[in-house]
Amino acid sequence: IYSIAILMWEISSGYSPFIDYEHDDYELAMNIINGMRPEIMSDIPLEYKNLMVQCWDADPL
């Protein structure tokens, strides 16, 4: 479900997530596991934002 949230983020922002974050793959993966998420754009609809946040939650249900 996390990947759906990231796809939603890419669609709403027009960018790849973490593009400005210098990292190696392991470091990024560990940061994501520990809760790092891309910043949500302020101009997206509330329902879209809520669904995206729920999808990338560690326990999405």
PDB file of N, CA and C in Angstrom:
ATOM      1  N   ILE A   1       0.828  -1.184   0.000  1.00  0.00           N
ATOM      2  CA  ILE A   1       0.000   0.000   0.000  1.00  0.00           C
ATOM      3  C   ILE A   1       0.877   1.254   0.000  1.00  0.00           C
ATOM      4  N   TYR A   2       2.063   1.151   0.608  1.00  0.00           N
ATOM      5  CA  TYR A   2       2.988   2.290   0.631  1.00  0.00           C
ATOM      6  C   TYR A   2       3.271   2.782  -0.785  1.00  0.00           C
ATOM      7  N   SER A   3       3.449   1.863  -1.719  1.00  0.00           N
ATOM      8  CA  SER A   3       3.775   2.272  -3.095  1.00  0.00           C
ATOM      9  C   SER A   3       2.627   3.037  -3.751  1.00  0.00           C
ATOM     10  N   ILE A   4       1.395   2.726  -3.393  1.00  0.00           N
ATOM     11  CA  ILE A   4       0.255   3.487  -3.920  1.00  0.00           C
ATOM     12  C   ILE A   4       0.318   4.921  -3.404  1.00  0.00           C
ATOM     13  N   ALA A   5       0.652   5.086  -2.128  1.00  0.00           N
ATOM     14  CA  ALA A   5       0.777   6.428  -1.556  1.00  0.00           C
ATOM     15  C   ALA A   5       1.880   7.217  -2.245  1.00  0.00           C
ATOM     16  N   ILE A   6       2.992   6.570  -2.529  1.00  0.00           N
ATOM     17  CA  ILE A   6       4.095   7.259  -3.202  1.00  0.00           C
ATOM     18  C   ILE A   6       3.688   7.638  -4.619  1.00  0.00           C
ATOM     19  N   LEU A   7       2.971   6.778  -5.300  1.00  0.00           N
ATOM     20  CA  LEU A   7       2.462   7.117  -6.630  1.00  0.00           C
ATOM     21  C   LEU A   7       1.502   8.307  -6.544  1.00  0.00           C
ATOM     22  N   MET A   8       0.644   8.319  -5.547  1.00  0.00           N
ATOM     23  CA  MET A   8      -0.261   9.458  -5.347  1.00  0.00           C
ATOM     24  C   MET A   8       0.537  10.740  -5.112  1.00  0.00           C
ATOM     25  N   TRP A   9       1.609  10.633  -4.329  1.00  0.00           N
ATOM     26  CA  TRP A   9       2.440  11.796  -4.050  1.00  0.00           C
ATOM     27  C   TRP A   9       3.093  12.298  -5.339  1.00  0.00           C
ATOM     28  N   GLU A  10       3.621  11.374  -6.159  1.00  0.00           N
ATOM     29  CA  GLU A  10       4.249  11.763  -7.428  1.00  0.00           C
ATOM     30  C   GLU A  10       3.250  12.456  -8.352  1.00  0.00           C
ATOM     31  N   ILE A  11       2.037  11.944  -8.416  1.00  0.00           N
ATOM     32  CA  ILE A  11       0.998  12.546  -9.265  1.00  0.00           C
ATOM     33  C   ILE A  11       0.650  13.947  -8.768  1.00  0.00           C
ATOM     34  N   SER A  12       0.525  14.107  -7.461  1.00  0.00           N
ATOM     35  CA  SER A  12       0.116  15.410  -6.923  1.00  0.00           C
ATOM     36  C   SER A  12       1.231  16.449  -6.948  1.00  0.00           C
ATOM     37  N   SER A  13       2.476  16.001  -6.901  1.00  0.00           N
ATOM     38  CA  SER A  13       3.591  16.954  -6.846  1.00  0.00           C
ATOM     39  C   SER A  13       4.272  17.158  -8.193  1.00  0.00           C
ATOM     40  N   GLY A  14       4.236  16.121  -9.032  1.00  0.00           N
ATOM     41  CA  GLY A  14       4.954  16.188 -10.300  1.00  0.00           C
ATOM     42  C   GLY A  14       6.435  15.871 -10.168  1.00  0.00           C
ATOM     43  N   TYR A  15       6.854  15.379  -9.013  1.00  0.00           N
ATOM     44  CA  TYR A  15       8.264  15.084  -8.748  1.00  0.00           C
ATOM     45  C   TYR A  15       8.431  13.647  -8.265  1.00  0.00           C
ATOM     46  N   SER A  16       9.675  13.178  -8.300  1.00  0.00           N
ATOM     47  CA  SER A  16      10.017  11.913  -7.666  1.00  0.00           C
ATOM     48  C   SER A  16      10.270  12.179  -6.189  1.00  0.00           C
ATOM     49  N   PRO A  17       9.840  11.288  -5.314  1.00  0.00           N
ATOM     50  CA  PRO A  17      10.060  11.526  -3.887  1.00  0.00           C
ATOM     51  C   PRO A  17      11.543  11.419  -3.532  1.00  0.00           C
ATOM     52  N   PHE A  18      11.954  12.186  -2.567  1.00  0.00           N
ATOM     53  CA  PHE A  18      13.310  12.149  -2.019  1.00  0.00           C
ATOM     54  C   PHE A  18      14.386  12.523  -3.041  1.00  0.00           C
ATOM     55  N   ILE A  19      14.011  13.236  -4.104  1.00  0.00           N
ATOM     56  CA  ILE A  19      14.966  13.571  -5.158  1.00  0.00           C
ATOM     57  C   ILE A  19      16.076  14.494  -4.647  1.00  0.00           C
ATOM     58  N   ASP A  20      15.779  15.326  -3.668  1.00  0.00           N
ATOM     59  CA  ASP A  20      16.778  16.247  -3.125  1.00  0.00           C
ATOM     60  C   ASP A  20      17.500  15.687  -1.903  1.00  0.00           C
ATOM     61  N   TYR A  21      17.171  14.476  -1.528  1.00  0.00           N
ATOM     62  CA  TYR A  21      17.746  13.855  -0.341  1.00  0.00           C
ATOM     63  C   TYR A  21      18.939  13.005  -0.753  1.00  0.00           C
ATOM     64  N   GLU A  22      20.142  13.400  -0.333  1.00  0.00           N
ATOM     65  CA  GLU A  22      21.333  12.615  -0.658  1.00  0.00           C
ATOM     66  C   GLU A  22      21.393  11.414   0.274  1.00  0.00           C
ATOM     67  N   HIS A  23      21.532  10.237  -0.316  1.00  0.00           N
ATOM     68  CA  HIS A  23      21.455   9.010   0.464  1.00  0.00           C
ATOM     69  C   HIS A  23      22.010   7.842  -0.337  1.00  0.00           C
ATOM     70  N   ASP A  24      22.253   6.762   0.369  1.00  0.00           N
ATOM     71  CA  ASP A  24      22.438   5.495  -0.320  1.00  0.00           C
ATOM     72  C   ASP A  24      21.141   4.709  -0.135  1.00  0.00           C
ATOM     73  N   ASP A  25      20.962   3.662  -0.904  1.00  0.00           N
ATOM     74  CA  ASP A  25      19.689   2.935  -0.888  1.00  0.00           C
ATOM     75  C   ASP A  25      19.346   2.369   0.488  1.00  0.00           C
ATOM     76  N   TYR A  26      20.346   1.829   1.182  1.00  0.00           N
ATOM     77  CA  TYR A  26      20.093   1.253   2.502  1.00  0.00           C
ATOM     78  C   TYR A  26      19.637   2.331   3.481  1.00  0.00           C
ATOM     79  N   GLU A  27      20.344   3.455   3.479  1.00  0.00           N
ATOM     80  CA  GLU A  27      19.996   4.553   4.388  1.00  0.00           C
ATOM     81  C   GLU A  27      18.577   5.056   4.127  1.00  0.00           C
ATOM     82  N   LEU A  28      18.224   5.220   2.862  1.00  0.00           N
ATOM     83  CA  LEU A  28      16.875   5.671   2.524  1.00  0.00           C
ATOM     84  C   LEU A  28      15.834   4.656   2.984  1.00  0.00           C
ATOM     85  N   ALA A  29      16.080   3.384   2.722  1.00  0.00           N
ATOM     86  CA  ALA A  29      15.136   2.342   3.135  1.00  0.00           C
ATOM     87  C   ALA A  29      14.938   2.352   4.649  1.00  0.00           C
ATOM     88  N   MET A  30      16.017   2.484   5.396  1.00  0.00           N
ATOM     89  CA  MET A  30      15.907   2.508   6.857  1.00  0.00           C
ATOM     90  C   MET A  30      15.153   3.749   7.332  1.00  0.00           C
ATOM     91  N   ASN A  31      15.398   4.884   6.697  1.00  0.00           N
ATOM     92  CA  ASN A  31      14.676   6.104   7.074  1.00  0.00           C
ATOM     93  C   ASN A  31      13.186   5.986   6.782  1.00  0.00           C
ATOM     94  N   ILE A  32      12.836   5.361   5.668  1.00  0.00           N
ATOM     95  CA  ILE A  32      11.424   5.154   5.330  1.00  0.00           C
ATOM     96  C   ILE A  32      10.772   4.212   6.342  1.00  0.00           C
ATOM     97  N   ILE A  33      11.455   3.134   6.685  1.00  0.00           N
ATOM     98  CA  ILE A  33      10.938   2.206   7.693  1.00  0.00           C
ATOM     99  C   ILE A  33      10.701   2.924   9.015  1.00  0.00           C
ATOM    100  N   ASN A  34      11.572   3.884   9.311  1.00  0.00           N
ATOM    101  CA  ASN A  34      11.462   4.641  10.564  1.00  0.00           C
ATOM    102  C   ASN A  34      10.520   5.831  10.466  1.00  0.00           C
ATOM    103  N   GLY A  35       9.784   5.941   9.354  1.00  0.00           N
ATOM    104  CA  GLY A  35       8.722   6.937   9.268  1.00  0.00           C
ATOM    105  C   GLY A  35       8.967   8.135   8.375  1.00  0.00           C
ATOM    106  N   MET A  36      10.106   8.209   7.702  1.00  0.00           N
ATOM    107  CA  MET A  36      10.350   9.351   6.822  1.00  0.00           C
ATOM    108  C   MET A  36       9.409   9.291   5.618  1.00  0.00           C
ATOM    109  N   ARG A  37       8.745  10.411   5.338  1.00  0.00           N
ATOM    110  CA  ARG A  37       7.839  10.519   4.200  1.00  0.00           C
ATOM    111  C   ARG A  37       8.115  11.831   3.485  1.00  0.00           C
ATOM    112  N   PRO A  38       7.814  11.909   2.190  1.00  0.00           N
ATOM    113  CA  PRO A  38       7.992  13.189   1.497  1.00  0.00           C
ATOM    114  C   PRO A  38       6.988  14.216   2.005  1.00  0.00           C
ATOM    115  N   GLU A  39       7.348  15.483   1.882  1.00  0.00           N
ATOM    116  CA  GLU A  39       6.466  16.565   2.324  1.00  0.00           C
ATOM    117  C   GLU A  39       5.244  16.641   1.415  1.00  0.00           C
ATOM    118  N   ILE A  40       4.079  16.749   2.011  1.00  0.00           N
ATOM    119  CA  ILE A  40       2.829  16.807   1.255  1.00  0.00           C
ATOM    120  C   ILE A  40       2.607  18.225   0.751  1.00  0.00           C
ATOM    121  N   MET A  41       2.249  18.346  -0.507  1.00  0.00           N
ATOM    122  CA  MET A  41       1.966  19.647  -1.099  1.00  0.00           C
ATOM    123  C   MET A  41       0.723  20.236  -0.425  1.00  0.00           C
ATOM    124  N   SER A  42       0.721  21.532  -0.224  1.00  0.00           N
ATOM    125  CA  SER A  42      -0.363  22.171   0.528  1.00  0.00           C
ATOM    126  C   SER A  42      -1.649  22.350  -0.268  1.00  0.00           C
ATOM    127  N   ASP A  43      -1.579  22.246  -1.578  1.00  0.00           N
ATOM    128  CA  ASP A  43      -2.752  22.564  -2.401  1.00  0.00           C
ATOM    129  C   ASP A  43      -3.533  21.347  -2.892  1.00  0.00           C
ATOM    130  N   ILE A  44      -3.322  20.187  -2.282  1.00  0.00           N
ATOM    131  CA  ILE A  44      -4.079  19.013  -2.720  1.00  0.00           C
ATOM    132  C   ILE A  44      -5.355  18.897  -1.884  1.00  0.00           C
ATOM    133  N   PRO A  45      -6.400  18.283  -2.438  1.00  0.00           N
ATOM    134  CA  PRO A  45      -7.655  18.125  -1.695  1.00  0.00           C
ATOM    135  C   PRO A  45      -7.455  17.314  -0.408  1.00  0.00           C
ATOM    136  N   LEU A  46      -8.184  17.673   0.615  1.00  0.00           N
ATOM    137  CA  LEU A  46      -8.064  17.034   1.921  1.00  0.00           C
ATOM    138  C   LEU A  46      -8.310  15.527   1.850  1.00  0.00           C
ATOM    139  N   GLU A  47      -9.311  15.093   1.097  1.00  0.00           N
ATOM    140  CA  GLU A  47      -9.626  13.664   0.988  1.00  0.00           C
ATOM    141  C   GLU A  47      -8.468  12.900   0.350  1.00  0.00           C
ATOM    142  N   TYR A  48      -7.856  13.501  -0.660  1.00  0.00           N
ATOM    143  CA  TYR A  48      -6.705  12.890  -1.341  1.00  0.00           C
ATOM    144  C   TYR A  48      -5.544  12.772  -0.356  1.00  0.00           C
ATOM    145  N   LYS A  49      -5.285  13.838   0.374  1.00  0.00           N
ATOM    146  CA  LYS A  49      -4.208  13.850   1.365  1.00  0.00           C
ATOM    147  C   LYS A  49      -4.443  12.781   2.423  1.00  0.00           C
ATOM    148  N   ASN A  50      -5.653  12.706   2.954  1.00  0.00           N
ATOM    149  CA  ASN A  50      -5.961  11.727   3.996  1.00  0.00           C
ATOM    150  C   ASN A  50      -5.768  10.299   3.507  1.00  0.00           C
ATOM    151  N   LEU A  51      -6.193  10.014   2.279  1.00  0.00           N
ATOM    152  CA  LEU A  51      -6.008   8.677   1.718  1.00  0.00           C
ATOM    153  C   LEU A  51      -4.526   8.370   1.545  1.00  0.00           C
ATOM    154  N   MET A  52      -3.771   9.328   1.044  1.00  0.00           N
ATOM    155  CA  MET A  52      -2.338   9.134   0.842  1.00  0.00           C
ATOM    156  C   MET A  52      -1.643   8.856   2.178  1.00  0.00           C
ATOM    157  N   VAL A  53      -1.943   9.635   3.187  1.00  0.00           N
ATOM    158  CA  VAL A  53      -1.334   9.451   4.508  1.00  0.00           C
ATOM    159  C   VAL A  53      -1.719   8.097   5.093  1.00  0.00           C
ATOM    160  N   GLN A  54      -2.961   7.694   4.923  1.00  0.00           N
ATOM    161  CA  GLN A  54      -3.390   6.389   5.423  1.00  0.00           C
ATOM    162  C   GLN A  54      -2.646   5.270   4.701  1.00  0.00           C
ATOM    163  N   CYS A  55      -2.448   5.404   3.398  1.00  0.00           N
ATOM    164  CA  CYS A  55      -1.765   4.364   2.624  1.00  0.00           C
ATOM    165  C   CYS A  55      -0.300   4.217   3.012  1.00  0.00           C
ATOM    166  N   TRP A  56       0.372   5.321   3.358  1.00  0.00           N
ATOM    167  CA  TRP A  56       1.790   5.166   3.686  1.00  0.00           C
ATOM    168  C   TRP A  56       2.036   5.001   5.177  1.00  0.00           C
ATOM    169  N   ASP A  57       0.983   4.882   5.957  1.00  0.00           N
ATOM    170  CA  ASP A  57       1.119   4.606   7.382  1.00  0.00           C
ATOM    171  C   ASP A  57       1.694   3.199   7.567  1.00  0.00           C
ATOM    172  N   ALA A  58       2.445   3.007   8.639  1.00  0.00           N
ATOM    173  CA  ALA A  58       3.018   1.688   8.921  1.00  0.00           C
ATOM    174  C   ALA A  58       1.930   0.636   9.125  1.00  0.00           C
ATOM    175  N   ASP A  59       0.766   1.060   9.609  1.00  0.00           N
ATOM    176  CA  ASP A  59      -0.391   0.176   9.782  1.00  0.00           C
ATOM    177  C   ASP A  59      -1.566   0.828   9.050  1.00  0.00           C
ATOM    178  N   PRO A  60      -1.665   0.630   7.730  1.00  0.00           N
ATOM    179  CA  PRO A  60      -2.615   1.376   6.911  1.00  0.00           C
ATOM    180  C   PRO A  60      -4.088   1.061   7.134  1.00  0.00           C
ATOM    181  N   LEU A  61      -4.405   0.045   7.888  1.00  0.00           N
ATOM    182  CA  LEU A  61      -5.810  -0.297   8.080  1.00  0.00           C
ATOM    183  C   LEU A  61      -6.254   0.239   9.367  1.00  0.00           C
TER     184      LEU A  61
END
